[in-house]
């Protein structure tokens, strides 16, 4: 299934922002599978540590630093697998960043169009949320 251009643009904008300051021991991938609990999922964006095991065409959850999803995807499977950070891009292009705490995600920060988002995890990054919008 082809994703809408607006969806692909937003994911690529986040990927570009992450890649700009990416440490050498981490990788950022679009549409790459990860083993979670009893299933394998393909988030829109996946950030893994360099030494994360890869087998059966997917990464192990233990080395995942961040997943990014566009829309209202369920974060429960990521939390259940211990993924420390989950970002969601909503239809109005609000970017919400969640961190795992005591087995569930808590909102760390969120920003919408016309605002800048600044986070420290998976590494320090700051960018204008307007970049998520297709020009």
N, C-alpha and C. Protein backbone atom coordinates (compact mmCIF):
# COMPACT_ATOMS: atom_id res chain seq x y z
N UNK A 1 0.84 -1.18 0.00
CA UNK A 1 0.00 0.00 0.00
C UNK A 1 0.89 1.24 0.00
N UNK A 2 0.64 2.13 -0.93
CA UNK A 2 1.36 3.39 -0.98
C UNK A 2 0.81 4.35 0.07
N UNK A 3 1.71 4.98 0.79
CA UNK A 3 1.29 5.96 1.79
C UNK A 3 1.13 7.32 1.12
N UNK A 4 0.24 8.16 1.63
CA UNK A 4 0.07 9.50 1.04
C UNK A 4 1.37 10.29 1.11
N UNK A 5 1.55 11.17 0.16
CA UNK A 5 2.76 11.99 0.11
C UNK A 5 2.94 12.80 1.40
N UNK A 6 1.86 13.29 1.98
CA UNK A 6 1.98 14.07 3.22
C UNK A 6 2.55 13.22 4.35
N UNK A 7 2.17 11.96 4.40
CA UNK A 7 2.67 11.01 5.40
C UNK A 7 4.17 10.80 5.19
N UNK A 8 4.55 10.47 3.97
CA UNK A 8 5.96 10.22 3.65
C UNK A 8 6.81 11.46 3.91
N UNK A 9 6.28 12.63 3.58
CA UNK A 9 7.03 13.87 3.79
C UNK A 9 7.32 14.09 5.27
N UNK A 10 6.31 13.91 6.11
CA UNK A 10 6.48 14.13 7.56
C UNK A 10 7.51 13.17 8.13
N UNK A 11 7.46 11.91 7.73
CA UNK A 11 8.42 10.92 8.22
C UNK A 11 9.84 11.28 7.76
N UNK A 12 9.97 11.67 6.52
CA UNK A 12 11.28 12.05 6.00
C UNK A 12 11.82 13.29 6.70
N UNK A 13 10.96 14.23 7.04
CA UNK A 13 11.40 15.44 7.76
C UNK A 13 11.94 15.07 9.14
N UNK A 14 11.28 14.18 9.85
CA UNK A 14 11.77 13.72 11.16
C UNK A 14 13.09 12.97 10.98
N UNK A 15 13.13 12.10 9.98
CA UNK A 15 14.37 11.35 9.73
C UNK A 15 15.53 12.31 9.46
N UNK A 16 15.31 13.32 8.62
CA UNK A 16 16.36 14.28 8.31
C UNK A 16 16.85 15.00 9.56
N UNK A 17 15.92 15.40 10.42
CA UNK A 17 16.30 16.09 11.66
C UNK A 17 17.12 15.18 12.57
N UNK A 18 16.71 13.92 12.67
CA UNK A 18 17.46 12.97 13.49
C UNK A 18 18.83 12.68 12.90
N UNK A 19 18.90 12.51 11.60
CA UNK A 19 20.17 12.19 10.94
C UNK A 19 21.17 13.33 11.07
N UNK A 20 20.71 14.55 11.12
CA UNK A 20 21.58 15.71 11.17
C UNK A 20 22.53 15.68 12.37
N UNK A 21 22.07 15.18 13.49
CA UNK A 21 22.88 15.15 14.71
C UNK A 21 23.09 13.73 15.24
N UNK A 22 22.88 12.74 14.40
CA UNK A 22 22.97 11.34 14.81
C UNK A 22 24.38 10.98 15.25
N UNK A 23 24.50 10.36 16.44
CA UNK A 23 25.83 9.87 16.84
C UNK A 23 26.22 8.67 15.98
N UNK A 24 27.49 8.39 15.92
CA UNK A 24 27.98 7.33 15.04
C UNK A 24 27.56 5.93 15.48
N UNK A 25 27.07 5.78 16.71
CA UNK A 25 26.68 4.45 17.19
C UNK A 25 25.17 4.22 17.16
N UNK A 26 24.47 4.97 16.31
CA UNK A 26 23.01 4.80 16.17
C UNK A 26 22.64 4.89 14.69
N UNK A 27 21.53 4.24 14.35
CA UNK A 27 21.04 4.26 12.97
C UNK A 27 19.57 4.65 12.96
N UNK A 28 19.17 5.34 11.90
CA UNK A 28 17.80 5.78 11.70
C UNK A 28 17.29 5.17 10.40
N UNK A 29 16.15 4.47 10.48
CA UNK A 29 15.59 3.77 9.32
C UNK A 29 14.12 4.10 9.15
N UNK A 30 13.69 4.18 7.91
CA UNK A 30 12.26 4.23 7.60
C UNK A 30 11.77 2.82 7.29
N UNK A 31 10.56 2.53 7.73
CA UNK A 31 9.86 1.29 7.37
C UNK A 31 10.73 0.04 7.52
N UNK A 32 11.35 -0.09 8.68
CA UNK A 32 12.20 -1.24 8.99
C UNK A 32 11.59 -2.01 10.15
N UNK A 33 11.55 -3.31 10.03
CA UNK A 33 10.86 -4.16 11.00
C UNK A 33 11.63 -4.29 12.31
N UNK A 34 10.84 -4.50 13.38
CA UNK A 34 11.39 -4.74 14.71
C UNK A 34 10.55 -5.84 15.38
N UNK A 35 11.23 -6.77 16.07
CA UNK A 35 10.56 -7.82 16.83
C UNK A 35 10.09 -7.24 18.16
N UNK A 36 8.79 -7.29 18.43
CA UNK A 36 8.22 -6.79 19.67
C UNK A 36 7.33 -7.86 20.27
N UNK A 37 7.62 -8.24 21.50
CA UNK A 37 6.83 -9.25 22.21
C UNK A 37 6.59 -10.44 21.29
N UNK A 38 5.34 -10.71 20.95
CA UNK A 38 5.01 -11.87 20.13
C UNK A 38 4.73 -11.52 18.67
N UNK A 39 5.18 -10.35 18.23
CA UNK A 39 4.87 -9.91 16.88
C UNK A 39 6.05 -9.16 16.27
N UNK A 40 5.97 -8.93 15.00
CA UNK A 40 6.93 -8.08 14.29
C UNK A 40 6.15 -6.94 13.69
N UNK A 41 6.61 -5.71 13.91
CA UNK A 41 5.93 -4.54 13.38
C UNK A 41 6.91 -3.71 12.56
N UNK A 42 6.35 -2.85 11.72
CA UNK A 42 7.15 -1.96 10.89
C UNK A 42 6.69 -0.53 11.18
N UNK A 43 7.37 0.15 12.11
CA UNK A 43 7.01 1.55 12.39
C UNK A 43 7.43 2.44 11.22
N UNK A 44 6.88 3.64 11.18
CA UNK A 44 7.27 4.58 10.13
C UNK A 44 8.75 4.92 10.21
N UNK A 45 9.26 5.05 11.43
CA UNK A 45 10.67 5.39 11.64
C UNK A 45 11.17 4.62 12.84
N UNK A 46 12.39 4.13 12.73
CA UNK A 46 13.00 3.31 13.78
C UNK A 46 14.41 3.80 14.03
N UNK A 47 14.76 3.99 15.30
CA UNK A 47 16.12 4.37 15.67
C UNK A 47 16.67 3.26 16.56
N UNK A 48 17.83 2.72 16.15
CA UNK A 48 18.43 1.61 16.89
C UNK A 48 19.89 1.90 17.21
N UNK A 49 20.36 1.25 18.27
CA UNK A 49 21.79 1.31 18.61
C UNK A 49 22.55 0.46 17.59
N UNK A 50 23.79 0.82 17.36
CA UNK A 50 24.61 0.16 16.35
C UNK A 50 24.69 -1.36 16.53
N UNK A 51 24.84 -1.84 17.73
CA UNK A 51 25.05 -3.27 17.98
C UNK A 51 23.75 -4.06 18.13
N UNK A 52 22.62 -3.50 17.77
CA UNK A 52 21.34 -4.19 17.92
C UNK A 52 21.28 -5.40 17.00
N UNK A 53 20.98 -6.58 17.57
CA UNK A 53 20.89 -7.78 16.73
C UNK A 53 19.79 -7.65 15.67
N UNK A 54 20.09 -8.16 14.50
CA UNK A 54 19.15 -8.16 13.37
C UNK A 54 19.05 -9.59 12.88
N UNK A 55 17.85 -10.14 12.90
CA UNK A 55 17.63 -11.50 12.40
C UNK A 55 16.21 -11.64 11.92
N UNK A 56 16.02 -12.54 10.97
CA UNK A 56 14.67 -12.73 10.43
C UNK A 56 14.11 -11.48 9.82
N UNK A 57 14.94 -10.64 9.23
CA UNK A 57 14.53 -9.40 8.57
C UNK A 57 14.01 -8.33 9.53
N UNK A 58 14.41 -8.40 10.81
CA UNK A 58 13.95 -7.40 11.77
C UNK A 58 14.97 -7.25 12.90
N UNK A 59 14.96 -6.07 13.51
CA UNK A 59 15.81 -5.79 14.67
C UNK A 59 15.15 -6.30 15.94
N UNK A 60 15.97 -6.64 16.94
CA UNK A 60 15.46 -6.98 18.26
C UNK A 60 15.05 -5.71 19.00
N UNK A 61 14.03 -5.78 19.79
CA UNK A 61 13.52 -4.61 20.51
C UNK A 61 14.51 -4.05 21.52
N UNK A 62 15.38 -4.88 22.06
CA UNK A 62 16.30 -4.45 23.10
C UNK A 62 17.21 -3.31 22.72
N UNK A 63 17.50 -3.13 21.43
CA UNK A 63 18.38 -2.06 21.00
C UNK A 63 17.67 -0.87 20.39
N UNK A 64 16.34 -0.89 20.42
CA UNK A 64 15.56 0.21 19.84
C UNK A 64 15.57 1.39 20.82
N UNK A 65 15.89 2.55 20.30
CA UNK A 65 15.89 3.77 21.10
C UNK A 65 14.60 4.56 20.93
N UNK A 66 14.03 4.51 19.73
CA UNK A 66 12.88 5.35 19.40
C UNK A 66 12.11 4.75 18.24
N UNK A 67 10.78 4.84 18.31
CA UNK A 67 9.93 4.59 17.15
C UNK A 67 9.09 5.83 16.92
N UNK A 68 8.82 6.10 15.65
CA UNK A 68 7.98 7.23 15.26
C UNK A 68 6.87 6.68 14.39
N UNK A 69 5.65 7.07 14.70
CA UNK A 69 4.49 6.66 13.92
C UNK A 69 3.68 7.88 13.52
N UNK A 70 3.11 7.83 12.33
CA UNK A 70 2.20 8.86 11.86
C UNK A 70 0.79 8.37 12.11
N UNK A 71 -0.04 9.19 12.73
CA UNK A 71 -1.42 8.82 13.00
C UNK A 71 -1.58 8.25 14.39
N UNK A 72 -2.67 7.61 14.62
CA UNK A 72 -3.03 7.14 15.95
C UNK A 72 -2.65 5.68 16.18
N UNK A 73 -1.46 5.29 15.75
CA UNK A 73 -1.01 3.92 15.98
C UNK A 73 -0.92 3.65 17.48
N UNK A 74 -1.21 2.42 17.86
CA UNK A 74 -1.15 2.04 19.27
C UNK A 74 0.30 1.96 19.74
N UNK A 75 0.58 2.58 20.86
CA UNK A 75 1.93 2.55 21.42
C UNK A 75 2.12 1.39 22.40
N UNK A 76 1.04 0.68 22.75
CA UNK A 76 1.11 -0.35 23.79
C UNK A 76 2.13 -1.44 23.48
N UNK A 77 2.19 -1.89 22.24
CA UNK A 77 3.13 -2.96 21.89
C UNK A 77 4.57 -2.48 22.05
N UNK A 78 4.82 -1.20 21.80
CA UNK A 78 6.17 -0.66 21.99
C UNK A 78 6.50 -0.57 23.48
N UNK A 79 5.56 -0.10 24.26
CA UNK A 79 5.78 0.01 25.71
C UNK A 79 5.99 -1.38 26.32
N UNK A 80 5.18 -2.34 25.90
CA UNK A 80 5.30 -3.71 26.43
C UNK A 80 6.66 -4.33 26.11
N UNK A 81 7.31 -3.86 25.06
CA UNK A 81 8.62 -4.38 24.66
C UNK A 81 9.77 -3.53 25.18
N UNK A 82 9.45 -2.49 25.95
CA UNK A 82 10.48 -1.68 26.59
C UNK A 82 11.14 -0.63 25.71
N UNK A 83 10.51 -0.26 24.61
CA UNK A 83 11.06 0.79 23.75
C UNK A 83 11.00 2.11 24.53
N UNK A 84 12.16 2.75 24.77
CA UNK A 84 12.19 3.88 25.69
C UNK A 84 11.53 5.17 25.22
N UNK A 85 11.35 5.34 23.91
CA UNK A 85 10.78 6.58 23.43
C UNK A 85 9.90 6.32 22.21
N UNK A 86 8.76 7.01 22.19
CA UNK A 86 7.76 6.86 21.13
C UNK A 86 7.31 8.26 20.72
N UNK A 87 7.41 8.57 19.44
CA UNK A 87 6.92 9.86 18.93
C UNK A 87 5.75 9.61 18.00
N UNK A 88 4.74 10.47 18.08
CA UNK A 88 3.56 10.34 17.23
C UNK A 88 3.32 11.65 16.50
N UNK A 89 3.13 11.55 15.19
CA UNK A 89 2.76 12.69 14.37
C UNK A 89 1.27 12.58 14.11
N UNK A 90 0.50 13.53 14.64
CA UNK A 90 -0.95 13.51 14.47
C UNK A 90 -1.34 14.14 13.13
N UNK A 91 -2.60 13.91 12.67
CA UNK A 91 -3.04 14.47 11.39
C UNK A 91 -2.88 15.99 11.28
N UNK A 92 -2.98 16.70 12.40
CA UNK A 92 -2.81 18.16 12.36
C UNK A 92 -1.34 18.56 12.43
N UNK A 93 -0.44 17.56 12.34
CA UNK A 93 1.02 17.72 12.38
C UNK A 93 1.56 18.13 13.74
N UNK A 94 0.79 17.88 14.79
CA UNK A 94 1.34 17.99 16.13
C UNK A 94 2.27 16.79 16.34
N UNK A 95 3.46 17.07 16.84
CA UNK A 95 4.41 16.01 17.15
C UNK A 95 4.46 15.85 18.66
N UNK A 96 4.08 14.68 19.13
CA UNK A 96 4.07 14.37 20.56
C UNK A 96 5.17 13.36 20.85
N UNK A 97 5.98 13.66 21.86
CA UNK A 97 7.11 12.80 22.23
C UNK A 97 6.84 12.20 23.60
N UNK A 98 6.88 10.89 23.67
CA UNK A 98 6.59 10.16 24.89
C UNK A 98 7.82 9.39 25.34
N UNK A 99 7.98 9.27 26.65
CA UNK A 99 9.06 8.47 27.23
C UNK A 99 8.45 7.39 28.11
N UNK A 100 9.06 6.23 28.09
CA UNK A 100 8.59 5.10 28.88
C UNK A 100 8.91 5.33 30.35
N UNK A 101 7.90 5.18 31.18
CA UNK A 101 8.07 5.33 32.62
C UNK A 101 7.16 4.33 33.30
N UNK A 102 7.74 3.44 34.07
CA UNK A 102 6.98 2.42 34.80
C UNK A 102 6.05 1.62 33.89
N UNK A 103 6.55 1.28 32.70
CA UNK A 103 5.80 0.40 31.80
C UNK A 103 4.81 1.06 30.88
N UNK A 104 4.65 2.38 30.95
CA UNK A 104 3.74 3.06 30.03
C UNK A 104 4.35 4.40 29.61
N UNK A 105 3.83 4.93 28.53
CA UNK A 105 4.38 6.18 28.01
C UNK A 105 3.75 7.39 28.67
N UNK A 106 4.63 8.35 28.99
CA UNK A 106 4.20 9.65 29.50
C UNK A 106 4.62 10.71 28.49
N UNK A 107 3.74 11.67 28.27
CA UNK A 107 4.05 12.75 27.36
C UNK A 107 5.20 13.58 27.93
N UNK A 108 6.29 13.69 27.16
CA UNK A 108 7.43 14.50 27.58
C UNK A 108 7.30 15.91 27.03
N UNK A 109 6.90 16.03 25.77
CA UNK A 109 6.71 17.33 25.14
C UNK A 109 5.91 17.15 23.87
N UNK A 110 5.34 18.23 23.41
CA UNK A 110 4.60 18.23 22.15
C UNK A 110 4.70 19.62 21.55
N UNK A 111 4.65 19.67 20.23
CA UNK A 111 4.70 20.95 19.53
C UNK A 111 3.90 20.82 18.24
N UNK A 112 3.31 21.93 17.84
CA UNK A 112 2.51 21.95 16.62
C UNK A 112 3.10 22.92 15.61
N UNK A 113 2.36 23.10 14.53
CA UNK A 113 2.79 24.02 13.49
C UNK A 113 3.05 25.40 14.08
N UNK A 114 4.09 26.05 13.62
CA UNK A 114 4.47 27.36 14.12
C UNK A 114 5.34 27.31 15.37
N UNK A 115 5.64 26.10 15.84
CA UNK A 115 6.44 25.94 17.06
C UNK A 115 7.72 25.16 16.76
N UNK A 116 8.67 25.26 17.67
CA UNK A 116 9.89 24.47 17.63
C UNK A 116 9.78 23.35 18.66
N UNK A 117 10.31 22.20 18.32
CA UNK A 117 10.35 21.08 19.24
C UNK A 117 11.81 20.87 19.64
N UNK A 118 12.04 20.73 20.94
CA UNK A 118 13.37 20.46 21.45
C UNK A 118 13.29 19.26 22.38
N UNK A 119 14.13 18.25 22.12
CA UNK A 119 14.19 17.06 22.96
C UNK A 119 15.64 16.69 23.21
N UNK A 120 15.87 15.87 24.23
CA UNK A 120 17.21 15.39 24.55
C UNK A 120 17.40 13.92 24.23
N UNK A 121 16.33 13.22 23.87
CA UNK A 121 16.44 11.80 23.62
C UNK A 121 15.78 11.44 22.30
N UNK A 122 16.36 10.65 21.44
CA UNK A 122 17.51 9.80 21.69
C UNK A 122 18.85 10.55 21.71
N UNK A 123 18.87 11.79 21.23
CA UNK A 123 20.01 12.69 21.37
C UNK A 123 19.46 14.10 21.22
N UNK A 124 20.20 15.12 21.64
CA UNK A 124 19.66 16.49 21.55
C UNK A 124 19.32 16.88 20.11
N UNK A 125 18.11 17.39 19.96
CA UNK A 125 17.62 17.79 18.64
C UNK A 125 16.60 18.91 18.82
N UNK A 126 16.61 19.84 17.90
CA UNK A 126 15.63 20.92 17.89
C UNK A 126 15.30 21.24 16.44
N UNK A 127 14.02 21.35 16.15
CA UNK A 127 13.63 21.70 14.78
C UNK A 127 12.24 22.31 14.76
N UNK A 128 11.96 23.00 13.66
CA UNK A 128 10.65 23.64 13.48
C UNK A 128 9.66 22.58 13.01
N UNK A 129 8.55 22.48 13.70
CA UNK A 129 7.52 21.50 13.34
C UNK A 129 6.95 21.81 11.96
N UNK A 130 7.05 23.05 11.51
CA UNK A 130 6.58 23.41 10.17
C UNK A 130 7.24 22.56 9.08
N UNK A 131 8.42 22.01 9.36
CA UNK A 131 9.10 21.17 8.37
C UNK A 131 8.36 19.87 8.10
N UNK A 132 7.40 19.52 8.96
CA UNK A 132 6.61 18.32 8.75
C UNK A 132 5.55 18.51 7.66
N UNK A 133 5.29 19.77 7.33
CA UNK A 133 4.23 20.09 6.35
C UNK A 133 4.81 20.10 4.95
N UNK A 134 4.12 19.44 4.05
CA UNK A 134 4.50 19.43 2.64
C UNK A 134 4.45 20.85 2.11
N UNK A 135 5.55 21.32 1.47
CA UNK A 135 5.54 22.71 0.95
C UNK A 135 4.56 22.91 -0.19
